[in-house]
Amino acid sequence: MLSRIARPTSCLLSRSFSTTQQNNSNVAVLGASGGIGQPLSLLLKLSPFVTRLNLYDINHTPGVAADLSHISTKAKVKGFLGPEQLDDCLQGAEVVLIPAGVPRKPGMTRDDLFNTNASIVRDLVRAVAKNCPKAMICVITNPVNSTVPIASEVMKQEGVYDPKRIFGVTTLDAVRASTFIAEAKDLPVKSVSLPIIGGHSGVTIVPLISQCTPTVSFPQKQREELSYRIQNAGTEVVEAKAGAGSATLSMAYAAAKFAENLMEAMGGAIGKIECAYVRSDETDATYFATPVELNENGIKANLGIGTLIEYEKKLLSDAMEELKGNIKKGEDFVNANK
């Protein structure tokens, strides 16, 4: 267990990377024409770690792929359209990112998305199990608290389950927390990092401000306000967009950041750490977000929750009932819809 988590180094945008550690990954984005999928695909096209970028969706992927293919970076881009081309898209994929699904609208919770998005994730992961069972599966589709258990149950049914290779991408929670704390303390945002544990919606998001690097201190009221804002930042974006969508650009950035660190680790880089929602024994919830160290096999080590202050213990306690309910909902869906 760690009481402080070192900030992972991301090559995205800054490009301060070592060419000796570059990996050449075959990446598939499932849901590549959507609000998250398009900017995510753009950022992956810019990545030095991507050799092949396959884009799948039920609409518009040939056009998105053609557009991206004109960018002068090394990744070869190809679009795949509709269920009949899904298998071809996934052949040889080493990293699969899944942003497919419907976005939240004002007044909707992540659970309101469940019925539609649960079926989408189930079917896509079943195709992954068939075509690239050893791929790293990075689930972005909400509600992540439930869709990651769905992905795991599908891989179990198909006999290819490896919990070290299935991630719920919760990086955006950590990105937001770093941004908000940097603003509050007038710090350079790149110098600020802190672990986010629990889940990926509302009260299940538990920011560990006491473990922030550099060390920061807030009056209790401000700590509570910051924690609440981090927990509800997604709703802040949904309401600001007034029906035009949810957090797409920031989510794409966070997912690309996670993918780059994962691909670097797959290529042999050490010390790559990201917060992710994974199969876990850290609490009595079977899935739980914590910082994890990455390597060529996915999760090298779960770095745990560290030492919590009393306020954070309360946040964690408040999160557990909802989180466990979300997990059960996902597992029950797959078992009832085999």
C-alpha atoms as a PDB file:
ATOM      1  CA  MET A   1       0.000   0.000   0.000  1.00  0.00           C
ATOM      2  CA  LEU A   2       1.232   3.484  -0.811  1.00  0.00           C
ATOM      3  CA  SER A   3       0.368   6.671   1.020  1.00  0.00           C
ATOM      4  CA  ARG A   4       1.551   8.697  -1.943  1.00  0.00           C
ATOM      5  CA  ILE A   5       1.459   7.859  -5.615  1.00  0.00           C
ATOM      6  CA  ALA A   6       4.089   9.257  -7.980  1.00  0.00           C
ATOM      7  CA  ARG A   7       2.638  11.102 -10.922  1.00  0.00           C
ATOM      8  CA  PRO A   8       2.833   8.950 -14.057  1.00  0.00           C
ATOM      9  CA  THR A   9       4.680  10.528 -16.951  1.00  0.00           C
ATOM     10  CA  SER A  10       2.528  10.946 -20.052  1.00  0.00           C
ATOM     11  CA  CYS A  11       4.053  11.486 -23.462  1.00  0.00           C
ATOM     12  CA  LEU A  12       0.782  12.767 -24.892  1.00  0.00           C
ATOM     13  CA  LEU A  13       1.261  16.310 -26.216  1.00  0.00           C
ATOM     14  CA  SER A  14       4.627  16.943 -24.550  1.00  0.00           C
ATOM     15  CA  ARG A  15       6.412  14.247 -26.563  1.00  0.00           C
ATOM     16  CA  SER A  16       9.247  14.042 -24.020  1.00  0.00           C
ATOM     17  CA  PHE A  17       9.764  10.331 -24.521  1.00  0.00           C
ATOM     18  CA  SER A  18      12.623   7.967 -25.150  1.00  0.00           C
ATOM     19  CA  THR A  19      12.572   6.414 -28.600  1.00  0.00           C
ATOM     20  CA  THR A  20      14.241   3.320 -27.186  1.00  0.00           C
ATOM     21  CA  GLN A  21      11.064   2.522 -25.254  1.00  0.00           C
ATOM     22  CA  GLN A  22       8.571   3.076 -28.037  1.00  0.00           C
ATOM     23  CA  ASN A  23       6.161   0.233 -28.552  1.00  0.00           C
ATOM     24  CA  ASN A  24       4.497  -0.486 -31.859  1.00  0.00           C
ATOM     25  CA  SER A  25       0.922  -1.364 -30.965  1.00  0.00           C
ATOM     26  CA  ASN A  26      -2.063  -2.408 -32.996  1.00  0.00           C
ATOM     27  CA  VAL A  27      -4.995  -0.477 -31.523  1.00  0.00           C
ATOM     28  CA  ALA A  28      -8.733  -0.752 -32.154  1.00  0.00           C
ATOM     29  CA  VAL A  29     -11.263   1.893 -31.151  1.00  0.00           C
ATOM     30  CA  LEU A  30     -14.829   0.567 -30.930  1.00  0.00           C
ATOM     31  CA  GLY A  31     -17.209   3.495 -31.217  1.00  0.00           C
ATOM     32  CA  ALA A  32     -14.751   5.604 -33.162  1.00  0.00           C
ATOM     33  CA  SER A  33     -17.280   7.931 -34.811  1.00  0.00           C
ATOM     34  CA  GLY A  34     -18.832   9.208 -31.604  1.00  0.00           C
ATOM     35  CA  GLY A  35     -18.220  12.236 -29.438  1.00  0.00           C
ATOM     36  CA  ILE A  36     -15.406  10.543 -27.532  1.00  0.00           C
ATOM     37  CA  GLY A  37     -14.324   8.213 -30.318  1.00  0.00           C
ATOM     38  CA  GLN A  38     -13.343  10.864 -32.858  1.00  0.00           C
ATOM     39  CA  PRO A  39     -11.064  13.000 -30.642  1.00  0.00           C
ATOM     40  CA  LEU A  40      -9.681   9.828 -29.040  1.00  0.00           C
ATOM     41  CA  SER A  41      -8.846   8.446 -32.480  1.00  0.00           C
ATOM     42  CA  LEU A  42      -7.166  11.730 -33.381  1.00  0.00           C
ATOM     43  CA  LEU A  43      -4.970  11.634 -30.274  1.00  0.00           C
ATOM     44  CA  LEU A  44      -4.065   8.004 -30.933  1.00  0.00           C
ATOM     45  CA  LYS A  45      -3.146   8.873 -34.526  1.00  0.00           C
ATOM     46  CA  LEU A  46      -0.685  11.391 -33.063  1.00  0.00           C
ATOM     47  CA  SER A  47       0.837   8.829 -30.701  1.00  0.00           C
ATOM     48  CA  PRO A  48       4.294   7.477 -31.527  1.00  0.00           C
ATOM     49  CA  PHE A  49       3.295   4.169 -29.930  1.00  0.00           C
ATOM     50  CA  VAL A  50       0.540   3.257 -32.422  1.00  0.00           C
ATOM     51  CA  THR A  51       1.434   1.445 -35.630  1.00  0.00           C
ATOM     52  CA  ARG A  52      -2.033   0.368 -36.740  1.00  0.00           C
ATOM     53  CA  LEU A  53      -5.247   2.139 -35.787  1.00  0.00           C
ATOM     54  CA  ASN A  54      -8.480   0.328 -36.650  1.00  0.00           C
ATOM     55  CA  LEU A  55     -11.694   2.301 -36.208  1.00  0.00           C
ATOM     56  CA  TYR A  56     -15.090   0.645 -35.778  1.00  0.00           C
ATOM     57  CA  ASP A  57     -18.586   2.050 -35.521  1.00  0.00           C
ATOM     58  CA  ILE A  58     -22.032   1.566 -37.017  1.00  0.00           C
ATOM     59  CA  ASN A  59     -21.843   4.917 -38.855  1.00  0.00           C
ATOM     60  CA  HIS A  60     -19.296   7.166 -40.570  1.00  0.00           C
ATOM     61  CA  THR A  61     -16.078   5.246 -39.862  1.00  0.00           C
ATOM     62  CA  PRO A  62     -14.854   5.204 -43.495  1.00  0.00           C
ATOM     63  CA  GLY A  63     -14.968   9.007 -43.502  1.00  0.00           C
ATOM     64  CA  VAL A  64     -13.354   9.377 -40.085  1.00  0.00           C
ATOM     65  CA  ALA A  65     -10.604   6.967 -41.107  1.00  0.00           C
ATOM     66  CA  ALA A  66     -10.013   8.731 -44.424  1.00  0.00           C
ATOM     67  CA  ASP A  67      -9.756  12.076 -42.637  1.00  0.00           C
ATOM     68  CA  LEU A  68      -7.289  10.819 -40.034  1.00  0.00           C
ATOM     69  CA  SER A  69      -5.235   8.910 -42.595  1.00  0.00           C
ATOM     70  CA  HIS A  70      -4.102  12.225 -44.114  1.00  0.00           C
ATOM     71  CA  ILE A  71      -2.244  13.179 -40.921  1.00  0.00           C
ATOM     72  CA  SER A  72       1.517  12.741 -41.313  1.00  0.00           C
ATOM     73  CA  THR A  73       2.188  10.309 -38.469  1.00  0.00           C
ATOM     74  CA  LYS A  74       3.155   6.656 -38.696  1.00  0.00           C
ATOM     75  CA  ALA A  75      -0.101   4.947 -37.631  1.00  0.00           C
ATOM     76  CA  LYS A  76      -1.935   3.285 -40.505  1.00  0.00           C
ATOM     77  CA  VAL A  77      -5.655   3.975 -40.180  1.00  0.00           C
ATOM     78  CA  LYS A  78      -8.522   1.862 -41.474  1.00  0.00           C
ATOM     79  CA  GLY A  79     -12.260   2.188 -40.905  1.00  0.00           C
ATOM     80  CA  PHE A  80     -14.668  -0.694 -40.334  1.00  0.00           C
ATOM     81  CA  LEU A  81     -18.416  -0.236 -40.652  1.00  0.00           C
ATOM     82  CA  GLY A  82     -21.156  -2.291 -39.041  1.00  0.00           C
ATOM     83  CA  PRO A  83     -21.290  -5.661 -37.243  1.00  0.00           C
ATOM     84  CA  GLU A  84     -20.282  -7.601 -40.352  1.00  0.00           C
ATOM     85  CA  GLN A  85     -16.848  -5.886 -40.270  1.00  0.00           C
ATOM     86  CA  LEU A  86     -16.246  -6.032 -36.514  1.00  0.00           C
ATOM     87  CA  ASP A  87     -14.266  -9.278 -36.603  1.00  0.00           C
ATOM     88  CA  ASP A  88     -11.919  -7.888 -39.247  1.00  0.00           C
ATOM     89  CA  CYS A  89     -11.386  -4.744 -37.193  1.00  0.00           C
ATOM     90  CA  LEU A  90     -10.263  -6.761 -34.176  1.00  0.00           C
ATOM     91  CA  GLN A  91      -7.884  -9.159 -35.903  1.00  0.00           C
ATOM     92  CA  GLY A  92      -4.453  -8.750 -34.300  1.00  0.00           C
ATOM     93  CA  ALA A  93      -5.511  -5.958 -31.947  1.00  0.00           C
ATOM     94  CA  GLU A  94      -3.310  -5.606 -28.871  1.00  0.00           C
ATOM     95  CA  VAL A  95      -5.175  -2.715 -27.232  1.00  0.00           C
ATOM     96  CA  VAL A  96      -8.946  -2.271 -27.582  1.00  0.00           C
ATOM     97  CA  LEU A  97     -10.575   0.941 -26.391  1.00  0.00           C
ATOM     98  CA  ILE A  98     -14.371   0.944 -26.061  1.00  0.00           C
ATOM     99  CA  PRO A  99     -16.067   4.370 -26.000  1.00  0.00           C
ATOM    100  CA  ALA A 100     -19.159   3.049 -27.853  1.00  0.00           C
ATOM    101  CA  GLY A 101     -22.594   3.855 -26.478  1.00  0.00           C
ATOM    102  CA  VAL A 102     -25.048   6.669 -25.931  1.00  0.00           C
ATOM    103  CA  PRO A 103     -23.970   9.783 -23.982  1.00  0.00           C
ATOM    104  CA  ARG A 104     -25.595  11.260 -20.916  1.00  0.00           C
ATOM    105  CA  LYS A 105     -28.059  14.106 -21.282  1.00  0.00           C
ATOM    106  CA  PRO A 106     -29.197  16.621 -18.659  1.00  0.00           C
ATOM    107  CA  GLY A 107     -31.100  14.920 -15.865  1.00  0.00           C
ATOM    108  CA  MET A 108     -29.736  11.479 -16.716  1.00  0.00           C
ATOM    109  CA  THR A 109     -27.584   9.434 -14.369  1.00  0.00           C
ATOM    110  CA  ARG A 110     -25.043   6.929 -15.616  1.00  0.00           C
ATOM    111  CA  ASP A 111     -27.455   4.195 -14.577  1.00  0.00           C
ATOM    112  CA  ASP A 112     -30.033   5.638 -16.977  1.00  0.00           C
ATOM    113  CA  LEU A 113     -27.652   4.624 -19.763  1.00  0.00           C
ATOM    114  CA  PHE A 114     -27.475   1.059 -18.571  1.00  0.00           C
ATOM    115  CA  ASN A 115     -29.965  -0.802 -20.736  1.00  0.00           C
ATOM    116  CA  THR A 116     -28.583   0.493 -24.025  1.00  0.00           C
ATOM    117  CA  ASN A 117     -24.906   0.568 -23.200  1.00  0.00           C
ATOM    118  CA  ALA A 118     -24.858  -2.783 -21.392  1.00  0.00           C
ATOM    119  CA  SER A 119     -25.884  -4.611 -24.551  1.00  0.00           C
ATOM    120  CA  ILE A 120     -23.357  -2.703 -26.650  1.00  0.00           C
ATOM    121  CA  VAL A 121     -20.446  -3.540 -24.358  1.00  0.00           C
ATOM    122  CA  ARG A 122     -21.506  -7.179 -24.046  1.00  0.00           C
ATOM    123  CA  ASP A 123     -21.575  -7.676 -27.808  1.00  0.00           C
ATOM    124  CA  LEU A 124     -18.320  -5.823 -28.466  1.00  0.00           C
ATOM    125  CA  VAL A 125     -16.422  -7.700 -25.764  1.00  0.00           C
ATOM    126  CA  ARG A 126     -17.765 -11.001 -27.086  1.00  0.00           C
ATOM    127  CA  ALA A 127     -16.162 -10.103 -30.416  1.00  0.00           C
ATOM    128  CA  VAL A 128     -12.906  -9.271 -28.615  1.00  0.00           C
ATOM    129  CA  ALA A 129     -12.994 -12.687 -26.933  1.00  0.00           C
ATOM    130  CA  LYS A 130     -13.372 -14.331 -30.335  1.00  0.00           C
ATOM    131  CA  ASN A 131     -10.790 -12.350 -32.294  1.00  0.00           C
ATOM    132  CA  CYS A 132      -8.125 -10.994 -29.917  1.00  0.00           C
ATOM    133  CA  PRO A 133      -8.587 -12.608 -26.480  1.00  0.00           C
ATOM    134  CA  LYS A 134      -5.161 -11.482 -25.240  1.00  0.00           C
ATOM    135  CA  ALA A 135      -5.779  -7.800 -26.008  1.00  0.00           C
ATOM    136  CA  MET A 136      -5.863  -5.163 -23.290  1.00  0.00           C
ATOM    137  CA  ILE A 137      -9.517  -4.112 -22.950  1.00  0.00           C
ATOM    138  CA  CYS A 138     -10.016  -0.482 -21.925  1.00  0.00           C
ATOM    139  CA  VAL A 139     -13.677   0.207 -21.124  1.00  0.00           C
ATOM    140  CA  ILE A 140     -14.808   3.830 -21.383  1.00  0.00           C
ATOM    141  CA  THR A 141     -18.539   3.264 -21.951  1.00  0.00           C
ATOM    142  CA  ASN A 142     -20.652   4.347 -18.992  1.00  0.00           C
ATOM    143  CA  PRO A 143     -21.733   3.260 -16.474  1.00  0.00           C
ATOM    144  CA  VAL A 144     -18.164   1.980 -16.026  1.00  0.00           C
ATOM    145  CA  ASN A 145     -19.024   0.637 -12.560  1.00  0.00           C
ATOM    146  CA  SER A 146     -21.279  -1.868 -14.346  1.00  0.00           C
ATOM    147  CA  THR A 147     -19.768  -2.200 -17.832  1.00  0.00           C
ATOM    148  CA  VAL A 148     -16.406  -3.478 -16.560  1.00  0.00           C
ATOM    149  CA  PRO A 149     -18.117  -6.351 -14.698  1.00  0.00           C
ATOM    150  CA  ILE A 150     -20.074  -6.993 -17.914  1.00  0.00           C
ATOM    151  CA  ALA A 151     -16.816  -7.237 -19.873  1.00  0.00           C
ATOM    152  CA  SER A 152     -15.346  -9.590 -17.291  1.00  0.00           C
ATOM    153  CA  GLU A 153     -18.390 -11.872 -17.211  1.00  0.00           C
ATOM    154  CA  VAL A 154     -18.384 -12.129 -21.005  1.00  0.00           C
ATOM    155  CA  MET A 155     -14.694 -13.073 -21.059  1.00  0.00           C
ATOM    156  CA  LYS A 156     -15.395 -15.679 -18.367  1.00  0.00           C
ATOM    157  CA  GLN A 157     -18.211 -17.172 -20.424  1.00  0.00           C
ATOM    158  CA  GLU A 158     -15.908 -17.368 -23.434  1.00  0.00           C
ATOM    159  CA  GLY A 159     -13.155 -19.033 -21.380  1.00  0.00           C
ATOM    160  CA  VAL A 160     -10.539 -16.322 -21.962  1.00  0.00           C
ATOM    161  CA  TYR A 161     -10.806 -14.191 -18.823  1.00  0.00           C
ATOM    162  CA  ASP A 162      -7.663 -12.458 -17.558  1.00  0.00           C
ATOM    163  CA  PRO A 163      -8.441  -9.822 -14.904  1.00  0.00           C
ATOM    164  CA  LYS A 164      -5.048  -8.189 -15.437  1.00  0.00           C
ATOM    165  CA  ARG A 165      -6.071  -7.151 -18.962  1.00  0.00           C
ATOM    166  CA  ILE A 166      -9.457  -5.504 -18.314  1.00  0.00           C
ATOM    167  CA  PHE A 167      -9.562  -1.859 -17.242  1.00  0.00           C
ATOM    168  CA  GLY A 168     -12.241   0.664 -16.531  1.00  0.00           C
ATOM    169  CA  VAL A 169     -10.678   3.936 -17.669  1.00  0.00           C
ATOM    170  CA  THR A 170     -11.158   6.286 -14.704  1.00  0.00           C
ATOM    171  CA  THR A 171      -8.196   8.497 -15.615  1.00  0.00           C
ATOM    172  CA  LEU A 172     -10.482  11.471 -16.200  1.00  0.00           C
ATOM    173  CA  ASP A 173     -11.326  11.608 -12.490  1.00  0.00           C
ATOM    174  CA  ALA A 174      -7.627  11.967 -11.664  1.00  0.00           C
ATOM    175  CA  VAL A 175      -7.104  14.496 -14.466  1.00  0.00           C
ATOM    176  CA  ARG A 176      -9.978  16.621 -13.169  1.00  0.00           C
ATOM    177  CA  ALA A 177      -8.776  16.384  -9.581  1.00  0.00           C
ATOM    178  CA  SER A 178      -5.286  17.519 -10.538  1.00  0.00           C
ATOM    179  CA  THR A 179      -6.723  20.415 -12.534  1.00  0.00           C
ATOM    180  CA  PHE A 180      -9.071  21.607  -9.795  1.00  0.00           C
ATOM    181  CA  ILE A 181      -6.453  21.396  -7.034  1.00  0.00           C
ATOM    182  CA  ALA A 182      -3.841  23.149  -9.169  1.00  0.00           C
ATOM    183  CA  GLU A 183      -6.323  25.971  -9.759  1.00  0.00           C
ATOM    184  CA  ALA A 184      -7.197  26.187  -6.059  1.00  0.00           C
ATOM    185  CA  LYS A 185      -3.552  26.358  -4.977  1.00  0.00           C
ATOM    186  CA  ASP A 186      -2.147  28.239  -7.992  1.00  0.00           C
ATOM    187  CA  LEU A 187       0.221  25.362  -8.768  1.00  0.00           C
ATOM    188  CA  PRO A 188       1.542  24.193 -12.144  1.00  0.00           C
ATOM    189  CA  VAL A 189      -1.033  21.586 -13.140  1.00  0.00           C
ATOM    190  CA  LYS A 190       1.602  19.133 -14.389  1.00  0.00           C
ATOM    191  CA  SER A 191       3.113  19.037 -10.899  1.00  0.00           C
ATOM    192  CA  VAL A 192      -0.111  17.906  -9.210  1.00  0.00           C
ATOM    193  CA  SER A 193      -1.284  14.318  -8.901  1.00  0.00           C
ATOM    194  CA  LEU A 194      -3.438  12.341  -6.515  1.00  0.00           C
ATOM    195  CA  PRO A 195      -5.070   8.917  -6.489  1.00  0.00           C
ATOM    196  CA  ILE A 196      -8.795   8.505  -7.068  1.00  0.00           C
ATOM    197  CA  ILE A 197     -10.272   5.308  -5.674  1.00  0.00           C
ATOM    198  CA  GLY A 198     -13.685   3.612  -5.671  1.00  0.00           C
ATOM    199  CA  GLY A 199     -15.729   3.832  -8.840  1.00  0.00           C
ATOM    200  CA  HIS A 200     -16.463   6.187 -11.702  1.00  0.00           C
ATOM    201  CA  SER A 201     -19.727   7.925 -10.887  1.00  0.00           C
ATOM    202  CA  GLY A 202     -20.915  10.414  -8.316  1.00  0.00           C
ATOM    203  CA  VAL A 203     -20.567   9.278  -4.737  1.00  0.00           C
ATOM    204  CA  THR A 204     -18.468   6.244  -5.746  1.00  0.00           C
ATOM    205  CA  ILE A 205     -15.611   8.562  -6.803  1.00  0.00           C
ATOM    206  CA  VAL A 206     -13.338   9.007  -3.778  1.00  0.00           C
ATOM    207  CA  PRO A 207     -10.563  11.593  -4.264  1.00  0.00           C
ATOM    208  CA  LEU A 208      -7.664  11.166  -1.846  1.00  0.00           C
ATOM    209  CA  ILE A 209      -6.610  14.781  -1.446  1.00  0.00           C
ATOM    210  CA  SER A 210      -4.596  13.818   1.640  1.00  0.00           C
ATOM    211  CA  GLN A 211      -2.296  11.826  -0.669  1.00  0.00           C
ATOM    212  CA  CYS A 212      -1.793  14.630  -3.176  1.00  0.00           C
ATOM    213  CA  THR A 213       1.664  15.320  -4.570  1.00  0.00           C
ATOM    214  CA  PRO A 214       2.779  17.963  -3.724  1.00  0.00           C
ATOM    215  CA  THR A 215       1.228  17.973  -0.260  1.00  0.00           C
ATOM    216  CA  VAL A 216      -1.673  20.411  -0.039  1.00  0.00           C
ATOM    217  CA  SER A 217      -3.882  21.525   2.813  1.00  0.00           C
ATOM    218  CA  PHE A 218      -7.448  22.846   2.751  1.00  0.00           C
ATOM    219  CA  PRO A 219      -9.942  23.967   5.371  1.00  0.00           C
ATOM    220  CA  GLN A 220     -12.526  21.223   5.803  1.00  0.00           C
ATOM    221  CA  LYS A 221     -15.279  23.124   3.998  1.00  0.00           C
ATOM    222  CA  GLN A 222     -13.077  23.708   0.951  1.00  0.00           C
ATOM    223  CA  ARG A 223     -11.942  20.058   1.015  1.00  0.00           C
ATOM    224  CA  GLU A 224     -15.590  18.999   0.948  1.00  0.00           C
ATOM    225  CA  GLU A 225     -16.397  21.410  -1.891  1.00  0.00           C
ATOM    226  CA  LEU A 226     -13.451  20.175  -3.960  1.00  0.00           C
ATOM    227  CA  SER A 227     -14.352  16.544  -3.341  1.00  0.00           C
ATOM    228  CA  TYR A 228     -17.946  17.196  -4.353  1.00  0.00           C
ATOM    229  CA  ARG A 229     -16.839  18.979  -7.528  1.00  0.00           C
ATOM    230  CA  ILE A 230     -14.542  16.101  -8.493  1.00  0.00           C
ATOM    231  CA  GLN A 231     -17.361  13.622  -7.900  1.00  0.00           C
ATOM    232  CA  ASN A 232     -19.829  15.623  -9.970  1.00  0.00           C
ATOM    233  CA  ALA A 233     -17.592  17.092 -12.665  1.00  0.00           C
ATOM    234  CA  GLY A 234     -19.253  14.971 -15.338  1.00  0.00           C
ATOM    235  CA  THR A 235     -22.643  16.452 -14.499  1.00  0.00           C
ATOM    236  CA  GLU A 236     -21.058  19.919 -14.613  1.00  0.00           C
ATOM    237  CA  VAL A 237     -20.123  19.296 -18.259  1.00  0.00           C
ATOM    238  CA  VAL A 238     -23.476  17.720 -19.183  1.00  0.00           C
ATOM    239  CA  GLU A 239     -25.343  20.725 -17.820  1.00  0.00           C
ATOM    240  CA  ALA A 240     -22.971  23.232 -19.431  1.00  0.00           C
ATOM    241  CA  LYS A 241     -23.480  21.570 -22.830  1.00  0.00           C
ATOM    242  CA  ALA A 242     -27.259  21.910 -22.306  1.00  0.00           C
ATOM    243  CA  GLY A 243     -28.283  18.746 -24.096  1.00  0.00           C
ATOM    244  CA  ALA A 244     -25.483  18.761 -26.670  1.00  0.00           C
ATOM    245  CA  GLY A 245     -23.525  15.931 -25.052  1.00  0.00           C
ATOM    246  CA  SER A 246     -21.374  14.884 -22.145  1.00  0.00           C
ATOM    247  CA  ALA A 247     -17.643  15.052 -21.403  1.00  0.00           C
ATOM    248  CA  THR A 248     -16.118  14.060 -24.731  1.00  0.00           C
ATOM    249  CA  LEU A 249     -12.916  16.061 -25.239  1.00  0.00           C
ATOM    250  CA  SER A 250     -11.592  15.680 -21.705  1.00  0.00           C
ATOM    251  CA  MET A 251     -12.552  11.997 -21.709  1.00  0.00           C
ATOM    252  CA  ALA A 252     -10.728  11.483 -25.003  1.00  0.00           C
ATOM    253  CA  TYR A 253      -7.628  13.153 -23.554  1.00  0.00           C
ATOM    254  CA  ALA A 254      -7.765  11.005 -20.423  1.00  0.00           C
ATOM    255  CA  ALA A 255      -8.310   7.779 -22.376  1.00  0.00           C
ATOM    256  CA  ALA A 256      -5.426   8.566 -24.719  1.00  0.00           C
ATOM    257  CA  LYS A 257      -3.214   9.342 -21.715  1.00  0.00           C
ATOM    258  CA  PHE A 258      -4.117   5.986 -20.178  1.00  0.00           C
ATOM    259  CA  ALA A 259      -3.552   4.157 -23.479  1.00  0.00           C
ATOM    260  CA  GLU A 260      -0.141   5.740 -24.003  1.00  0.00           C
ATOM    261  CA  ASN A 261       1.068   4.768 -20.550  1.00  0.00           C
ATOM    262  CA  LEU A 262      -0.288   1.255 -21.075  1.00  0.00           C
ATOM    263  CA  MET A 263       1.429   0.924 -24.462  1.00  0.00           C
ATOM    264  CA  GLU A 264       4.706   2.201 -23.017  1.00  0.00           C
ATOM    265  CA  ALA A 265       4.465  -0.389 -20.246  1.00  0.00           C
ATOM    266  CA  MET A 266       3.690  -3.087 -22.805  1.00  0.00           C
ATOM    267  CA  GLY A 267       6.892  -2.048 -24.583  1.00  0.00           C
ATOM    268  CA  GLY A 268       9.017  -2.457 -21.462  1.00  0.00           C
ATOM    269  CA  ALA A 269       8.894   0.944 -19.765  1.00  0.00           C
ATOM    270  CA  ILE A 270       8.853   0.620 -15.994  1.00  0.00           C
ATOM    271  CA  GLY A 271       7.061   2.686 -13.370  1.00  0.00           C
ATOM    272  CA  LYS A 272       3.962   3.392 -15.456  1.00  0.00           C
ATOM    273  CA  ILE A 273       1.110   4.041 -13.008  1.00  0.00           C
ATOM    274  CA  GLU A 274      -2.507   4.956 -13.697  1.00  0.00           C
ATOM    275  CA  CYS A 275      -5.714   4.899 -11.692  1.00  0.00           C
ATOM    276  CA  ALA A 276      -8.092   2.298 -13.128  1.00  0.00           C
ATOM    277  CA  TYR A 277     -11.237   0.423 -12.147  1.00  0.00           C
ATOM    278  CA  VAL A 278     -10.233  -3.245 -12.036  1.00  0.00           C
ATOM    279  CA  ARG A 279     -10.957  -6.613 -10.448  1.00  0.00           C
ATOM    280  CA  SER A 280      -9.775  -6.078  -6.906  1.00  0.00           C
ATOM    281  CA  ASP A 281      -9.348  -7.558  -3.446  1.00  0.00           C
ATOM    282  CA  GLU A 282      -8.706  -4.169  -1.829  1.00  0.00           C
ATOM    283  CA  THR A 283     -12.235  -3.939  -0.379  1.00  0.00           C
ATOM    284  CA  ASP A 284     -15.321  -6.144  -0.287  1.00  0.00           C
ATOM    285  CA  ALA A 285     -16.340  -4.705  -3.677  1.00  0.00           C
ATOM    286  CA  THR A 286     -15.141  -7.123  -6.364  1.00  0.00           C
ATOM    287  CA  TYR A 287     -14.198  -4.219  -8.657  1.00  0.00           C
ATOM    288  CA  PHE A 288     -12.535  -1.105  -7.327  1.00  0.00           C
ATOM    289  CA  ALA A 289     -10.475   1.771  -8.707  1.00  0.00           C
ATOM    290  CA  THR A 290      -6.971   2.269  -7.350  1.00  0.00           C
ATOM    291  CA  PRO A 291      -3.593   3.231  -8.775  1.00  0.00           C
ATOM    292  CA  VAL A 292      -2.136   0.243 -10.622  1.00  0.00           C
ATOM    293  CA  GLU A 293       1.356  -0.317 -11.990  1.00  0.00           C
ATOM    294  CA  LEU A 294       1.335  -1.498 -15.590  1.00  0.00           C
ATOM    295  CA  ASN A 295       3.557  -3.884 -17.539  1.00  0.00           C
ATOM    296  CA  GLU A 296       3.494  -6.034 -20.669  1.00  0.00           C
ATOM    297  CA  ASN A 297       0.845  -8.297 -19.119  1.00  0.00           C
ATOM    298  CA  GLY A 298      -1.461  -5.493 -18.058  1.00  0.00           C
ATOM    299  CA  ILE A 299      -1.552  -5.027 -14.290  1.00  0.00           C
ATOM    300  CA  LYS A 300       1.789  -5.666 -12.639  1.00  0.00           C
ATOM    301  CA  ALA A 301       0.668  -4.586  -9.168  1.00  0.00           C
ATOM    302  CA  ASN A 302      -2.323  -3.021  -7.460  1.00  0.00           C
ATOM    303  CA  LEU A 303      -0.933  -0.176  -5.369  1.00  0.00           C
ATOM    304  CA  GLY A 304      -3.864  -0.095  -2.990  1.00  0.00           C
ATOM    305  CA  ILE A 305      -5.651   2.679  -1.176  1.00  0.00           C
ATOM    306  CA  GLY A 306      -2.940   3.869   1.193  1.00  0.00           C
ATOM    307  CA  THR A 307      -3.688   5.660   4.458  1.00  0.00           C
ATOM    308  CA  LEU A 308      -6.951   7.625   4.539  1.00  0.00           C
ATOM    309  CA  ILE A 309      -7.931  10.513   6.774  1.00  0.00           C
ATOM    310  CA  GLU A 310     -11.277  10.299   8.572  1.00  0.00           C
ATOM    311  CA  TYR A 311     -13.125  12.358   5.956  1.00  0.00           C
ATOM    312  CA  GLU A 312     -11.900  10.068   3.180  1.00  0.00           C
ATOM    313  CA  LYS A 313     -12.897   7.004   5.188  1.00  0.00           C
ATOM    314  CA  LYS A 314     -16.409   8.432   5.326  1.00  0.00           C
ATOM    315  CA  LEU A 315     -16.424   9.076   1.569  1.00  0.00           C
ATOM    316  CA  LEU A 316     -15.337   5.477   1.014  1.00  0.00           C
ATOM    317  CA  SER A 317     -18.008   4.149   3.352  1.00  0.00           C
ATOM    318  CA  ASP A 318     -20.644   6.226   1.554  1.00  0.00           C
ATOM    319  CA  ALA A 319     -19.509   4.823  -1.792  1.00  0.00           C
ATOM    320  CA  MET A 320     -19.591   1.123  -1.063  1.00  0.00           C
ATOM    321  CA  GLU A 321     -23.298   0.277  -1.142  1.00  0.00           C
ATOM    322  CA  GLU A 322     -23.864   1.979  -4.489  1.00  0.00           C
ATOM    323  CA  LEU A 323     -20.672   0.571  -5.963  1.00  0.00           C
ATOM    324  CA  LYS A 324     -21.530  -3.002  -5.004  1.00  0.00           C
ATOM    325  CA  GLY A 325     -25.031  -2.529  -6.407  1.00  0.00           C
ATOM    326  CA  ASN A 326     -23.581  -1.273  -9.707  1.00  0.00           C
ATOM    327  CA  ILE A 327     -21.295  -4.304  -9.925  1.00  0.00           C
ATOM    328  CA  LYS A 328     -24.111  -6.755  -9.245  1.00  0.00           C
ATOM    329  CA  LYS A 329     -26.256  -5.052 -11.871  1.00  0.00           C
ATOM    330  CA  GLY A 330     -23.603  -5.630 -14.517  1.00  0.00           C
ATOM    331  CA  GLU A 331     -22.971  -9.239 -13.548  1.00  0.00           C
ATOM    332  CA  ASP A 332     -26.681 -10.045 -13.398  1.00  0.00           C
ATOM    333  CA  PHE A 333     -27.221  -8.538 -16.847  1.00  0.00           C
ATOM    334  CA  VAL A 334     -24.742 -10.868 -18.501  1.00  0.00           C
ATOM    335  CA  ASN A 335     -25.925 -13.924 -16.633  1.00  0.00           C
ATOM    336  CA  ALA A 336     -29.541 -13.175 -17.585  1.00  0.00           C
ATOM    337  CA  ASN A 337     -28.700 -12.427 -21.224  1.00  0.00           C
ATOM    338  CA  LYS A 338     -26.266 -15.135 -22.293  1.00  0.00           C
END
